[in-house]
Amino acid sequence: MKKSTTQMTKIELLEVITEKNQIIADLNAKIDELEGMAISSSAKALDADSSRLLSLMNQRIKALEEQINDA
C-alpha cells in the first residue's frame, strides 16, 4: 500500500524528491535532444525549378555511382 506524503518519514520524502528530480533531469535532457533534432532538420521548401534541378542532380549522381560500381 502506498503511503500518503503526510505518512512518510523525512528520509522517504527525500527519496521521492530525489527520484522525481532525476525524472525531471531525464525529461529535460530529452527535450534538449529533441530541440536539437528539430533545429538540425529544419528545411526550406523548394520551388518547382529547384526541385527539378535537385532531382536531375540526384539522378546524375546515381548514374555516376552505378558506373563506378560497374567498373
N, C-alpha and C. Protein backbone atom coordinates (compact mmCIF):
# COMPACT_ATOMS: atom_id res chain seq x y z
N MET A 1 0.84 -1.17 0.00
CA MET A 1 0.00 0.00 0.00
C MET A 1 0.89 1.24 0.00
N LYS A 2 0.51 2.21 -0.82
CA LYS A 2 1.29 3.43 -0.94
C LYS A 2 0.91 4.41 0.17
N LYS A 3 1.95 4.98 0.80
CA LYS A 3 1.72 5.94 1.87
C LYS A 3 1.42 7.31 1.27
N SER A 4 0.64 8.11 1.98
CA SER A 4 0.46 9.49 1.58
C SER A 4 1.69 10.27 2.06
N THR A 5 1.89 11.45 1.49
CA THR A 5 3.07 12.23 1.88
C THR A 5 3.04 12.63 3.35
N THR A 6 1.87 12.72 3.95
CA THR A 6 1.80 13.06 5.38
C THR A 6 2.21 11.90 6.27
N GLN A 7 2.20 10.68 5.70
CA GLN A 7 2.58 9.49 6.48
C GLN A 7 4.05 9.11 6.28
N MET A 8 4.73 9.78 5.38
CA MET A 8 6.12 9.43 5.06
C MET A 8 7.09 10.06 6.04
N THR A 9 8.21 9.38 6.24
CA THR A 9 9.28 9.95 7.05
C THR A 9 10.05 10.94 6.18
N LYS A 10 10.91 11.72 6.82
CA LYS A 10 11.72 12.69 6.08
C LYS A 10 12.60 11.98 5.05
N ILE A 11 13.17 10.85 5.44
CA ILE A 11 14.04 10.11 4.53
C ILE A 11 13.25 9.62 3.31
N GLU A 12 12.04 9.11 3.57
CA GLU A 12 11.20 8.66 2.46
C GLU A 12 10.83 9.82 1.53
N LEU A 13 10.51 10.97 2.11
CA LEU A 13 10.19 12.14 1.31
C LEU A 13 11.39 12.58 0.47
N LEU A 14 12.58 12.57 1.08
CA LEU A 14 13.78 12.95 0.34
C LEU A 14 14.06 11.97 -0.80
N GLU A 15 13.80 10.69 -0.57
CA GLU A 15 13.99 9.70 -1.63
C GLU A 15 13.04 9.96 -2.80
N VAL A 16 11.78 10.28 -2.47
CA VAL A 16 10.80 10.59 -3.52
C VAL A 16 11.22 11.84 -4.28
N ILE A 17 11.66 12.85 -3.57
CA ILE A 17 12.11 14.09 -4.21
C ILE A 17 13.30 13.81 -5.13
N THR A 18 14.25 13.02 -4.65
CA THR A 18 15.42 12.68 -5.45
C THR A 18 15.01 11.93 -6.71
N GLU A 19 14.09 10.99 -6.56
CA GLU A 19 13.59 10.22 -7.71
C GLU A 19 12.90 11.14 -8.72
N LYS A 20 12.07 12.04 -8.24
CA LYS A 20 11.35 12.97 -9.13
C LYS A 20 12.32 13.94 -9.80
N ASN A 21 13.34 14.38 -9.08
CA ASN A 21 14.34 15.27 -9.68
C ASN A 21 15.10 14.56 -10.80
N GLN A 22 15.37 13.27 -10.63
CA GLN A 22 16.04 12.50 -11.67
C GLN A 22 15.15 12.39 -12.91
N ILE A 23 13.87 12.14 -12.68
CA ILE A 23 12.92 12.06 -13.80
C ILE A 23 12.88 13.40 -14.54
N ILE A 24 12.84 14.50 -13.80
CA ILE A 24 12.82 15.83 -14.42
C ILE A 24 14.10 16.07 -15.21
N ALA A 25 15.24 15.69 -14.67
CA ALA A 25 16.51 15.86 -15.37
C ALA A 25 16.53 15.04 -16.66
N ASP A 26 16.03 13.81 -16.60
CA ASP A 26 15.97 12.96 -17.79
C ASP A 26 15.06 13.58 -18.85
N LEU A 27 13.92 14.09 -18.43
CA LEU A 27 12.99 14.71 -19.37
C LEU A 27 13.58 15.98 -19.98
N ASN A 28 14.27 16.77 -19.18
CA ASN A 28 14.92 17.98 -19.70
C ASN A 28 15.99 17.63 -20.72
N ALA A 29 16.74 16.56 -20.46
CA ALA A 29 17.76 16.12 -21.42
C ALA A 29 17.11 15.67 -22.72
N LYS A 30 16.00 14.97 -22.61
CA LYS A 30 15.27 14.51 -23.80
C LYS A 30 14.73 15.70 -24.59
N ILE A 31 14.21 16.70 -23.88
CA ILE A 31 13.71 17.91 -24.54
C ILE A 31 14.84 18.59 -25.30
N ASP A 32 16.02 18.71 -24.66
CA ASP A 32 17.17 19.33 -25.33
C ASP A 32 17.55 18.56 -26.58
N GLU A 33 17.52 17.22 -26.48
CA GLU A 33 17.85 16.37 -27.63
C GLU A 33 16.85 16.58 -28.76
N LEU A 34 15.57 16.60 -28.43
CA LEU A 34 14.53 16.78 -29.44
C LEU A 34 14.60 18.17 -30.07
N GLU A 35 14.89 19.18 -29.26
CA GLU A 35 15.04 20.54 -29.81
C GLU A 35 16.21 20.60 -30.77
N GLY A 36 17.30 19.92 -30.42
CA GLY A 36 18.46 19.87 -31.32
C GLY A 36 18.13 19.18 -32.63
N MET A 37 17.35 18.11 -32.55
CA MET A 37 16.93 17.41 -33.76
C MET A 37 16.03 18.30 -34.61
N ALA A 38 15.14 19.04 -33.99
CA ALA A 38 14.23 19.92 -34.72
C ALA A 38 15.00 21.02 -35.43
N ILE A 39 16.00 21.57 -34.77
CA ILE A 39 16.81 22.63 -35.38
C ILE A 39 17.60 22.08 -36.56
N SER A 40 18.19 20.89 -36.39
CA SER A 40 19.01 20.34 -37.46
C SER A 40 18.18 19.87 -38.64
N SER A 41 16.89 19.59 -38.43
CA SER A 41 16.07 19.09 -39.52
C SER A 41 15.24 20.17 -40.18
N SER A 42 15.39 21.41 -39.73
CA SER A 42 14.59 22.46 -40.35
C SER A 42 15.02 22.62 -41.80
N ALA A 43 14.08 22.54 -42.69
CA ALA A 43 14.36 22.61 -44.12
C ALA A 43 13.42 23.60 -44.77
N LYS A 44 13.85 24.10 -45.90
CA LYS A 44 13.07 25.07 -46.64
C LYS A 44 12.47 24.37 -47.87
N ALA A 45 11.22 24.63 -48.13
CA ALA A 45 10.58 24.04 -49.30
C ALA A 45 11.20 24.63 -50.57
N LEU A 46 11.36 23.78 -51.57
CA LEU A 46 11.95 24.23 -52.83
C LEU A 46 10.86 24.64 -53.81
N ASP A 47 11.21 25.60 -54.66
CA ASP A 47 10.27 25.92 -55.72
C ASP A 47 10.39 24.84 -56.81
N ALA A 48 9.53 24.88 -57.80
CA ALA A 48 9.47 23.82 -58.82
C ALA A 48 10.79 23.68 -59.57
N ASP A 49 11.41 24.80 -59.96
CA ASP A 49 12.67 24.74 -60.71
C ASP A 49 13.78 24.12 -59.88
N SER A 50 13.87 24.53 -58.64
CA SER A 50 14.91 23.99 -57.76
C SER A 50 14.68 22.50 -57.52
N SER A 51 13.43 22.13 -57.37
CA SER A 51 13.10 20.72 -57.15
C SER A 51 13.50 19.88 -58.36
N ARG A 52 13.20 20.35 -59.56
CA ARG A 52 13.59 19.62 -60.78
C ARG A 52 15.11 19.52 -60.89
N LEU A 53 15.79 20.61 -60.62
CA LEU A 53 17.26 20.62 -60.69
C LEU A 53 17.84 19.63 -59.69
N LEU A 54 17.32 19.62 -58.49
CA LEU A 54 17.80 18.70 -57.47
C LEU A 54 17.54 17.26 -57.89
N SER A 55 16.38 17.01 -58.46
CA SER A 55 16.04 15.67 -58.92
C SER A 55 17.00 15.22 -60.03
N LEU A 56 17.28 16.10 -60.97
CA LEU A 56 18.21 15.77 -62.06
C LEU A 56 19.61 15.51 -61.52
N MET A 57 20.03 16.31 -60.56
CA MET A 57 21.36 16.11 -59.97
C MET A 57 21.43 14.76 -59.26
N ASN A 58 20.37 14.42 -58.53
CA ASN A 58 20.35 13.12 -57.84
C ASN A 58 20.39 11.96 -58.83
N GLN A 59 19.67 12.09 -59.95
CA GLN A 59 19.70 11.06 -60.98
C GLN A 59 21.10 10.93 -61.57
N ARG A 60 21.74 12.05 -61.82
CA ARG A 60 23.09 12.04 -62.40
C ARG A 60 24.10 11.41 -61.42
N ILE A 61 23.98 11.75 -60.15
CA ILE A 61 24.87 11.18 -59.14
C ILE A 61 24.67 9.67 -59.06
N LYS A 62 23.41 9.23 -59.08
CA LYS A 62 23.12 7.80 -59.04
C LYS A 62 23.71 7.09 -60.25
N ALA A 63 23.59 7.70 -61.43
CA ALA A 63 24.14 7.10 -62.65
C ALA A 63 25.66 7.00 -62.56
N LEU A 64 26.30 8.05 -62.04
CA LEU A 64 27.76 8.02 -61.89
C LEU A 64 28.19 6.97 -60.87
N GLU A 65 27.44 6.84 -59.78
CA GLU A 65 27.75 5.81 -58.78
C GLU A 65 27.63 4.41 -59.38
N GLU A 66 26.61 4.20 -60.22
CA GLU A 66 26.44 2.90 -60.86
C GLU A 66 27.60 2.63 -61.83
N GLN A 67 28.07 3.64 -62.54
CA GLN A 67 29.21 3.48 -63.43
C GLN A 67 30.46 3.09 -62.66
N ILE A 68 30.65 3.73 -61.53
CA ILE A 68 31.83 3.43 -60.69
C ILE A 68 31.73 2.00 -60.16
N ASN A 69 30.55 1.60 -59.73
CA ASN A 69 30.37 0.25 -59.18
C ASN A 69 30.53 -0.83 -60.26
N ASP A 70 30.14 -0.51 -61.50
CA ASP A 70 30.28 -1.47 -62.59
C ASP A 70 31.71 -1.61 -63.06
N ALA A 71 32.51 -0.57 -62.86
CA ALA A 71 33.91 -0.57 -63.35
C ALA A 71 34.82 -1.43 -62.49
